[in-house]
């Protein structure tokens, strides 16, 4: 079966989710139909909405179903930008973000720049990946009237670094600027409270927490208005048209409920595995660098993501050599897998091109065990020596 340590890319389905989804796939009827079959399907969808809202401290009407985190990010960023500039001839062209964001955030912003007259302001990050609230406050004090929105991820999917989203939201509220956060890497790995966060919108997805691929949601506060980016129906408060999916919605809801309920126990398990990884790598490869290693695990870094720089070798080479031994890790986001390049996240944090090309991420999930870590540490030293011997291709 091999050793799977790439849960931040996707994690196995929970058995309970598989069972529920298998049963729910037999649900007949379009949830928008008025007959009894349709109404039963609607009940399944609405119960899922209720369950997600309860798990994340939101109102049921704030849960908008999507196909995943990427669609949710696009809907939030493009929808907020359009709504904030409606009839104003782009009087609020500025979108604030950071260069450490996932491409599902950066590319929609780039599209707005190319096609909708947007201007992007990327906040600087320190070597640990944290933005400066002082810099943000100073920028907003001078430019708030022209800012459409702020989009910053709650947890970085490559490094596990946590941004202080509630503090960012409180600051932005003073200037009447809505904040969106991609919480895909946060949900199930740290406490996530939508109401307390102060966010205007928050993206989540199922396949990072034991739910199915293709199921996600955008939580949109009741006081927030955003324009749809797709058209063809009045579903989901008019924000996201399309036939509702009872089976997928219920599977997502169960994954969210389970991930939130299991979080205290999972954090304890991940902390021990995290310690085992960090100490084992330090012993096996003393020159390895733990990214954001100064930050406290749990309060400043989620415990399920550990990102290392292995100096003198290509991260791709190390990944492939470990894979040949049956150990699956990654260089960062799975969305850029197969593209040989330095991590844009580490570059933005101030690491060199070489170091940003030498990273390997170990990520844990609900099926991770000590034997997984032991297998990784068993094969790492030889794989690293071979990767160093191979050197860089450019």
Protein backbone atom coordinates (compact mmCIF):
# COMPACT_ATOMS: atom_id res chain seq x y z
CA UNK A 1 0.00 0.00 0.00
CA UNK A 2 2.92 2.36 0.64
CA UNK A 3 3.22 5.32 3.01
CA UNK A 4 1.00 8.32 2.41
CA UNK A 5 2.18 11.64 3.86
CA UNK A 6 0.51 14.07 1.46
CA UNK A 7 -2.78 14.71 3.26
CA UNK A 8 -2.59 18.45 2.58
CA UNK A 9 -3.09 17.59 -1.10
CA UNK A 10 -6.03 15.29 -0.38
CA UNK A 11 -6.84 12.89 2.43
CA UNK A 12 -8.63 9.53 2.25
CA UNK A 13 -12.40 9.43 2.52
CA UNK A 14 -13.72 8.70 5.99
CA UNK A 15 -15.51 5.33 6.08
CA UNK A 16 -18.59 7.02 7.53
CA UNK A 17 -18.64 9.44 4.59
CA UNK A 18 -18.36 6.60 2.08
CA UNK A 19 -21.30 4.81 3.72
CA UNK A 20 -23.46 7.93 3.81
CA UNK A 21 -22.63 8.95 0.26
CA UNK A 22 -23.35 5.46 -1.07
CA UNK A 23 -26.76 5.56 0.56
CA UNK A 24 -27.45 9.18 -0.47
CA UNK A 25 -26.67 8.51 -4.12
CA UNK A 26 -29.97 6.67 -4.29
CA UNK A 27 -31.90 9.84 -3.43
CA UNK A 28 -34.32 10.59 -6.26
CA UNK A 29 -35.56 13.98 -7.36
CA UNK A 30 -34.27 17.46 -8.16
CA UNK A 31 -34.02 19.48 -4.95
CA UNK A 32 -35.65 22.43 -6.73
CA UNK A 33 -38.74 20.43 -7.76
CA UNK A 34 -42.00 20.96 -5.86
CA UNK A 35 -43.18 17.33 -5.84
CA UNK A 36 -42.48 14.98 -2.92
CA UNK A 37 -39.38 13.46 -4.51
CA UNK A 38 -37.89 16.91 -4.98
CA UNK A 39 -38.81 18.00 -1.47
CA UNK A 40 -37.15 14.93 0.06
CA UNK A 41 -34.01 15.75 -1.91
CA UNK A 42 -34.26 19.35 -0.70
CA UNK A 43 -34.50 18.16 2.90
CA UNK A 44 -31.20 16.31 2.50
CA UNK A 45 -29.49 19.41 1.13
CA UNK A 46 -30.92 21.72 3.79
CA UNK A 47 -29.97 19.34 6.61
CA UNK A 48 -26.43 19.36 5.24
CA UNK A 49 -26.48 23.15 5.20
CA UNK A 50 -27.69 23.20 8.82
CA UNK A 51 -24.97 20.77 9.91
CA UNK A 52 -22.16 22.73 8.27
CA UNK A 53 -23.45 25.98 9.74
CA UNK A 54 -23.65 24.47 13.23
CA UNK A 55 -20.13 23.04 12.99
CA UNK A 56 -18.61 26.36 11.89
CA UNK A 57 -20.76 28.75 13.98
CA UNK A 58 -22.57 30.25 11.03
CA UNK A 59 -26.16 30.86 9.99
CA UNK A 60 -27.59 28.20 7.69
CA UNK A 61 -28.32 30.86 5.05
CA UNK A 62 -24.63 31.77 4.98
CA UNK A 63 -23.60 28.38 3.53
CA UNK A 64 -23.34 28.43 -0.28
CA UNK A 65 -22.47 25.06 -1.83
CA UNK A 66 -19.72 25.00 -4.48
CA UNK A 67 -17.62 22.42 -6.30
CA UNK A 68 -14.69 23.02 -3.96
CA UNK A 69 -12.24 25.58 -2.61
CA UNK A 70 -11.11 26.95 -5.97
CA UNK A 71 -14.62 27.80 -7.09
CA UNK A 72 -15.36 29.27 -3.66
CA UNK A 73 -12.26 31.48 -3.89
CA UNK A 74 -13.21 32.67 -7.37
CA UNK A 75 -16.79 33.38 -6.32
CA UNK A 76 -15.66 35.35 -3.27
CA UNK A 77 -12.95 37.39 -4.98
CA UNK A 78 -14.69 38.12 -8.27
CA UNK A 79 -18.11 38.39 -6.66
CA UNK A 80 -17.01 40.86 -3.99
CA UNK A 81 -15.02 42.90 -6.49
CA UNK A 82 -18.00 43.16 -8.83
CA UNK A 83 -20.44 43.99 -6.05
CA UNK A 84 -18.18 46.64 -4.54
CA UNK A 85 -17.70 48.30 -7.94
CA UNK A 86 -21.22 47.98 -9.31
CA UNK A 87 -22.16 51.21 -11.07
CA UNK A 88 -19.06 52.97 -9.74
CA UNK A 89 -16.82 52.54 -12.78
CA UNK A 90 -14.24 50.66 -10.70
CA UNK A 91 -13.87 53.33 -8.04
CA UNK A 92 -12.62 50.58 -5.72
CA UNK A 93 -10.02 48.86 -7.92
CA UNK A 94 -7.60 47.69 -5.21
CA UNK A 95 -7.48 44.07 -4.06
CA UNK A 96 -5.20 43.38 -1.10
CA UNK A 97 -3.57 39.97 -0.74
CA UNK A 98 -0.15 38.37 -0.22
CA UNK A 99 2.30 36.62 -2.55
CA UNK A 100 2.17 33.54 -0.27
CA UNK A 101 -1.45 32.82 -1.20
CA UNK A 102 -2.63 29.69 -3.02
CA UNK A 103 -2.96 30.05 -6.80
CA UNK A 104 -6.73 29.69 -6.38
CA UNK A 105 -6.56 33.18 -4.85
CA UNK A 106 -3.70 34.73 -6.82
CA UNK A 107 -4.99 33.79 -10.29
CA UNK A 108 -8.54 35.20 -9.85
CA UNK A 109 -6.91 38.44 -8.72
CA UNK A 110 -4.63 38.39 -11.76
CA UNK A 111 -7.72 37.87 -13.93
CA UNK A 112 -9.37 40.92 -12.37
CA UNK A 113 -6.23 42.95 -13.09
CA UNK A 114 -6.19 41.83 -16.74
CA UNK A 115 -9.93 42.09 -17.38
CA UNK A 116 -11.64 44.33 -14.82
CA UNK A 117 -9.26 47.18 -14.16
CA UNK A 118 -8.17 45.87 -10.76
CA UNK A 119 -4.99 46.86 -8.99
CA UNK A 120 -3.34 44.40 -6.63
CA UNK A 121 -1.48 45.31 -3.46
CA UNK A 122 0.51 42.37 -2.10
CA UNK A 123 1.43 42.62 1.56
CA UNK A 124 4.97 41.70 2.51
CA UNK A 125 5.59 38.69 4.74
CA UNK A 126 8.42 38.02 7.15
CA UNK A 127 10.64 34.93 7.09
CA UNK A 128 7.92 33.06 9.00
CA UNK A 129 5.22 33.93 6.49
CA UNK A 130 3.32 36.41 8.65
CA UNK A 131 1.99 39.65 7.23
CA UNK A 132 2.40 42.92 9.12
CA UNK A 133 -0.82 44.30 10.61
CA UNK A 134 0.95 47.64 10.91
CA UNK A 135 1.65 47.70 7.16
CA UNK A 136 -1.96 46.74 6.44
CA UNK A 137 -3.30 49.44 8.75
CA UNK A 138 -1.09 52.10 7.19
CA UNK A 139 -2.15 51.11 3.68
CA UNK A 140 -5.84 51.11 4.58
CA UNK A 141 -5.53 54.48 6.32
CA UNK A 142 -4.32 55.97 3.05
CA UNK A 143 -6.31 53.95 0.49
CA UNK A 144 -9.42 52.39 2.10
CA UNK A 145 -11.87 54.30 -0.12
CA UNK A 146 -10.32 52.56 -3.17
CA UNK A 147 -10.08 49.04 -1.70
CA UNK A 148 -12.58 46.47 -2.96
CA UNK A 149 -11.57 43.60 -0.67
CA UNK A 150 -8.85 41.78 1.21
CA UNK A 151 -8.18 38.08 0.56
CA UNK A 152 -5.78 36.24 2.88
CA UNK A 153 -5.67 32.52 3.65
CA UNK A 154 -6.15 31.40 7.25
CA UNK A 155 -3.51 28.65 7.08
CA UNK A 156 -0.87 28.39 4.40
CA UNK A 157 -1.17 25.03 2.68
CA UNK A 158 2.60 24.66 2.14
CA UNK A 159 4.02 25.83 5.47
CA UNK A 160 1.10 25.43 7.89
CA UNK A 161 1.57 29.02 9.12
CA UNK A 162 -1.55 30.57 10.67
CA UNK A 163 -2.53 34.17 9.92
CA UNK A 164 -4.46 36.08 12.61
CA UNK A 165 -7.64 36.34 10.56
CA UNK A 166 -9.87 37.70 13.35
CA UNK A 167 -7.38 40.54 13.96
CA UNK A 168 -7.21 41.26 10.23
CA UNK A 169 -11.01 41.33 10.03
CA UNK A 170 -11.29 43.69 13.01
CA UNK A 171 -8.78 46.03 11.43
CA UNK A 172 -10.51 45.96 8.03
CA UNK A 173 -13.91 46.57 9.63
CA UNK A 174 -12.68 49.95 10.87
CA UNK A 175 -12.22 50.94 7.24
CA UNK A 176 -15.39 49.24 5.93
CA UNK A 177 -13.42 46.75 3.81
CA UNK A 178 -14.68 43.13 3.48
CA UNK A 179 -12.26 40.27 4.10
CA UNK A 180 -12.31 36.87 2.42
CA UNK A 181 -10.22 33.96 3.67
CA UNK A 182 -9.37 30.65 2.07
CA UNK A 183 -9.80 28.37 5.09
CA UNK A 184 -9.23 25.12 3.19
CA UNK A 185 -6.04 24.26 5.11
CA UNK A 186 -7.46 25.54 8.39
CA UNK A 187 -10.70 23.56 8.61
CA UNK A 188 -10.23 20.33 10.53
CA UNK A 189 -6.72 21.32 11.62
CA UNK A 190 -7.45 24.23 13.98
CA UNK A 191 -10.63 25.77 15.46
CA UNK A 192 -12.62 27.65 12.81
CA UNK A 193 -15.45 29.92 13.97
CA UNK A 194 -17.02 31.88 11.12
CA UNK A 195 -19.09 34.20 13.30
CA UNK A 196 -16.14 35.09 15.55
CA UNK A 197 -13.77 35.53 12.60
CA UNK A 198 -15.52 38.67 11.36
CA UNK A 199 -15.07 37.48 7.78
CA UNK A 200 -17.30 38.55 4.93
CA UNK A 201 -16.61 35.23 3.15
CA UNK A 202 -14.73 32.00 3.83
CA UNK A 203 -13.86 29.12 1.49
CA UNK A 204 -13.82 25.44 2.51
CA UNK A 205 -13.56 22.12 0.69
CA UNK A 206 -14.30 18.50 1.52
CA UNK A 207 -11.37 16.48 0.23
CA UNK A 208 -8.87 17.88 2.75
CA UNK A 209 -10.92 16.56 5.70
CA UNK A 210 -12.08 13.13 4.55
CA UNK A 211 -14.91 14.25 2.29
CA UNK A 212 -15.32 13.81 -1.46
CA UNK A 213 -13.50 15.72 -4.17
CA UNK A 214 -15.81 18.17 -5.94
CA UNK A 215 -17.69 19.31 -2.84
CA UNK A 216 -17.04 22.58 -1.07
CA UNK A 217 -18.72 25.71 0.18
CA UNK A 218 -18.37 29.45 0.46
CA UNK A 219 -19.66 30.91 3.69
CA UNK A 220 -20.99 34.41 3.01
CA UNK A 221 -22.10 36.58 5.92
CA UNK A 222 -25.69 37.77 5.78
CA UNK A 223 -24.61 41.40 5.56
CA UNK A 224 -22.28 40.74 2.61
CA UNK A 225 -23.35 41.18 -0.99
CA UNK A 226 -21.50 39.55 -3.85
CA UNK A 227 -22.36 39.10 -7.51
CA UNK A 228 -22.53 35.63 -9.09
CA UNK A 229 -19.82 34.66 -11.54
CA UNK A 230 -22.03 31.99 -13.18
CA UNK A 231 -25.55 32.51 -14.44
CA UNK A 232 -28.49 30.21 -15.08
CA UNK A 233 -30.71 30.04 -12.03
CA UNK A 234 -31.56 31.52 -8.67
CA UNK A 235 -30.05 28.78 -6.52
CA UNK A 236 -27.96 29.51 -3.41
CA UNK A 237 -29.24 33.00 -2.64
CA UNK A 238 -28.75 33.86 -6.30
CA UNK A 239 -24.98 33.56 -5.90
CA UNK A 240 -24.29 30.12 -7.38
CA UNK A 241 -26.67 28.57 -9.93
CA UNK A 242 -26.88 24.87 -10.68
CA UNK A 243 -28.74 21.75 -9.65
CA UNK A 244 -28.14 20.96 -5.99
CA UNK A 245 -26.37 17.72 -5.08
CA UNK A 246 -28.00 15.94 -2.11
CA UNK A 247 -25.42 13.15 -1.89
CA UNK A 248 -22.43 15.44 -2.19
CA UNK A 249 -23.85 18.02 0.20
CA UNK A 250 -24.58 15.45 2.89
CA UNK A 251 -21.13 13.87 2.45
CA UNK A 252 -19.47 17.26 2.82
CA UNK A 253 -21.53 18.03 5.91
CA UNK A 254 -20.58 14.74 7.58
CA UNK A 255 -16.89 15.31 6.79
CA UNK A 256 -17.08 18.80 8.33
CA UNK A 257 -18.92 17.54 11.43
CA UNK A 258 -16.46 14.68 11.88
CA UNK A 259 -13.37 16.82 11.36
CA UNK A 260 -14.55 19.41 13.88
CA UNK A 261 -15.63 16.79 16.44
CA UNK A 262 -12.38 14.82 16.09
CA UNK A 263 -10.12 17.89 16.19
CA UNK A 264 -9.04 17.72 19.88
CA UNK A 265 -7.98 14.09 19.58
CA UNK A 266 -6.39 14.60 16.16
CA UNK A 267 -4.34 17.57 17.36
CA UNK A 268 -2.89 15.46 20.15
CA UNK A 269 -1.96 12.69 17.72
CA UNK A 270 -0.53 15.10 15.15
CA UNK A 271 1.57 16.89 17.76
CA UNK A 272 3.31 13.64 18.62
CA UNK A 273 3.82 12.72 14.95
CA UNK A 274 5.00 16.27 14.22
CA UNK A 275 7.60 16.00 16.99
CA UNK A 276 8.68 12.61 15.65
CA UNK A 277 9.14 14.02 12.14
CA UNK A 278 11.04 17.13 13.23
CA UNK A 279 13.40 15.29 15.59
CA UNK A 280 13.89 12.45 13.12
CA UNK A 281 14.79 14.78 10.24
CA UNK A 282 17.15 16.78 12.48
CA UNK A 283 18.95 13.53 13.35
CA UNK A 284 18.98 12.04 9.84
CA UNK A 285 19.74 15.25 7.91
CA UNK A 286 21.19 17.85 10.33
CA UNK A 287 21.49 20.49 7.60
CA UNK A 288 17.73 20.40 6.87
CA UNK A 289 15.85 23.62 7.67
CA UNK A 290 12.39 23.56 9.23
CA UNK A 291 10.37 26.32 7.56
CA UNK A 292 8.85 28.73 10.10
CA UNK A 293 10.46 26.62 12.78
CA UNK A 294 10.48 29.57 15.20
CA UNK A 295 6.68 29.52 15.38
CA UNK A 296 4.81 27.64 18.09
CA UNK A 297 2.95 24.58 16.84
CA UNK A 298 -0.85 24.76 17.33
CA UNK A 299 -1.00 28.49 18.14
CA UNK A 300 1.06 29.74 15.15
CA UNK A 301 1.46 26.66 12.94
CA UNK A 302 -1.01 23.83 12.43
CA UNK A 303 0.43 20.50 13.63
CA UNK A 304 -0.38 18.47 10.51
CA UNK A 305 1.96 20.30 8.08
CA UNK A 306 5.75 20.21 8.32
CA UNK A 307 7.78 21.89 5.57
CA UNK A 308 11.52 21.34 5.21
CA UNK A 309 14.28 22.73 3.03
CA UNK A 310 16.90 20.10 2.13
CA UNK A 311 19.90 22.17 0.99
CA UNK A 312 21.87 21.16 -2.07
CA UNK A 313 19.25 19.06 -3.81
CA UNK A 314 16.17 19.49 -5.94
CA UNK A 315 12.97 18.92 -4.00
CA UNK A 316 11.58 17.16 -7.06
CA UNK A 317 14.45 14.67 -7.07
CA UNK A 318 13.98 13.93 -3.38
CA UNK A 319 10.24 13.49 -3.87
CA UNK A 320 10.69 11.01 -6.72
CA UNK A 321 13.36 9.03 -4.87
CA UNK A 322 11.12 8.74 -1.82
CA UNK A 323 8.20 7.77 -4.04
CA UNK A 324 10.30 4.96 -5.49
CA UNK A 325 10.59 3.68 -1.91
CA UNK A 326 6.82 3.83 -1.50
CA UNK A 327 6.71 7.09 0.49
CA UNK A 328 4.45 9.88 -0.80
CA UNK A 329 5.30 13.46 0.18
CA UNK A 330 5.14 16.69 -1.85
CA UNK A 331 6.97 19.87 -2.74
CA UNK A 332 3.96 22.04 -1.94
CA UNK A 333 0.61 22.60 -3.56
CA UNK A 334 -0.70 19.66 -5.59
CA UNK A 335 -2.18 22.21 -8.00
CA UNK A 336 1.33 22.87 -9.34
CA UNK A 337 2.54 19.27 -9.25
CA UNK A 338 4.55 18.37 -12.32
CA UNK A 339 5.70 21.95 -12.76
CA UNK A 340 9.38 22.13 -11.87
CA UNK A 341 9.83 25.49 -10.18
CA UNK A 342 10.69 27.03 -6.86
CA UNK A 343 7.97 27.38 -4.26
CA UNK A 344 6.38 30.80 -4.75
CA UNK A 345 5.46 30.71 -1.06
CA UNK A 346 9.05 30.33 0.14
CA UNK A 347 10.28 32.92 -2.35
CA UNK A 348 7.75 35.40 -0.98
CA UNK A 349 8.93 34.61 2.56
CA UNK A 350 12.46 35.63 1.58
CA UNK A 351 14.15 32.30 0.87
CA UNK A 352 16.60 32.01 -2.03
CA UNK A 353 15.72 30.42 -5.36
CA UNK A 354 17.82 27.39 -4.47
CA UNK A 355 16.24 26.92 -1.05
CA UNK A 356 12.75 27.45 -2.45
CA UNK A 357 13.52 24.69 -4.98
CA UNK A 358 14.69 22.30 -2.26
CA UNK A 359 11.57 22.00 -0.13
CA UNK A 360 9.57 18.92 0.81
CA UNK A 361 6.28 19.01 2.69
CA UNK A 362 5.20 16.22 5.02
CA UNK A 363 1.49 16.46 5.82
CA UNK A 364 -0.57 14.37 8.21
CA UNK A 365 -4.19 13.31 8.21
CA UNK A 366 -6.76 11.23 10.03
CA UNK A 367 -5.13 7.95 8.91
CA UNK A 368 -1.51 8.88 9.77
CA UNK A 369 0.45 6.61 12.12
CA UNK A 370 3.89 6.35 13.69
CA UNK A 371 4.80 3.68 11.17
CA UNK A 372 4.26 6.22 8.37
CA UNK A 373 6.80 8.54 9.97
CA UNK A 374 9.21 5.67 10.59
CA UNK A 375 9.07 4.66 6.92
CA UNK A 376 9.76 8.24 5.80
CA UNK A 377 12.72 8.54 8.16
CA UNK A 378 14.05 5.12 7.14
CA UNK A 379 14.37 6.05 3.47
CA UNK A 380 15.16 9.76 3.83
CA UNK A 381 18.97 9.69 4.39
CA UNK A 382 19.81 7.62 1.30
CA UNK A 383 17.27 9.46 -0.83
CA UNK A 384 18.75 12.79 0.26
CA UNK A 385 22.32 11.73 -0.54
CA UNK A 386 21.25 10.53 -3.99
CA UNK A 387 19.28 13.73 -4.60
CA UNK A 388 22.30 15.83 -3.62
CA UNK A 389 24.49 13.82 -5.98
CA UNK A 390 22.05 14.51 -8.80
CA UNK A 391 22.18 18.24 -8.03
CA UNK A 392 19.99 20.82 -9.76
CA UNK A 393 18.92 20.71 -13.40
CA UNK A 394 19.12 24.47 -13.80
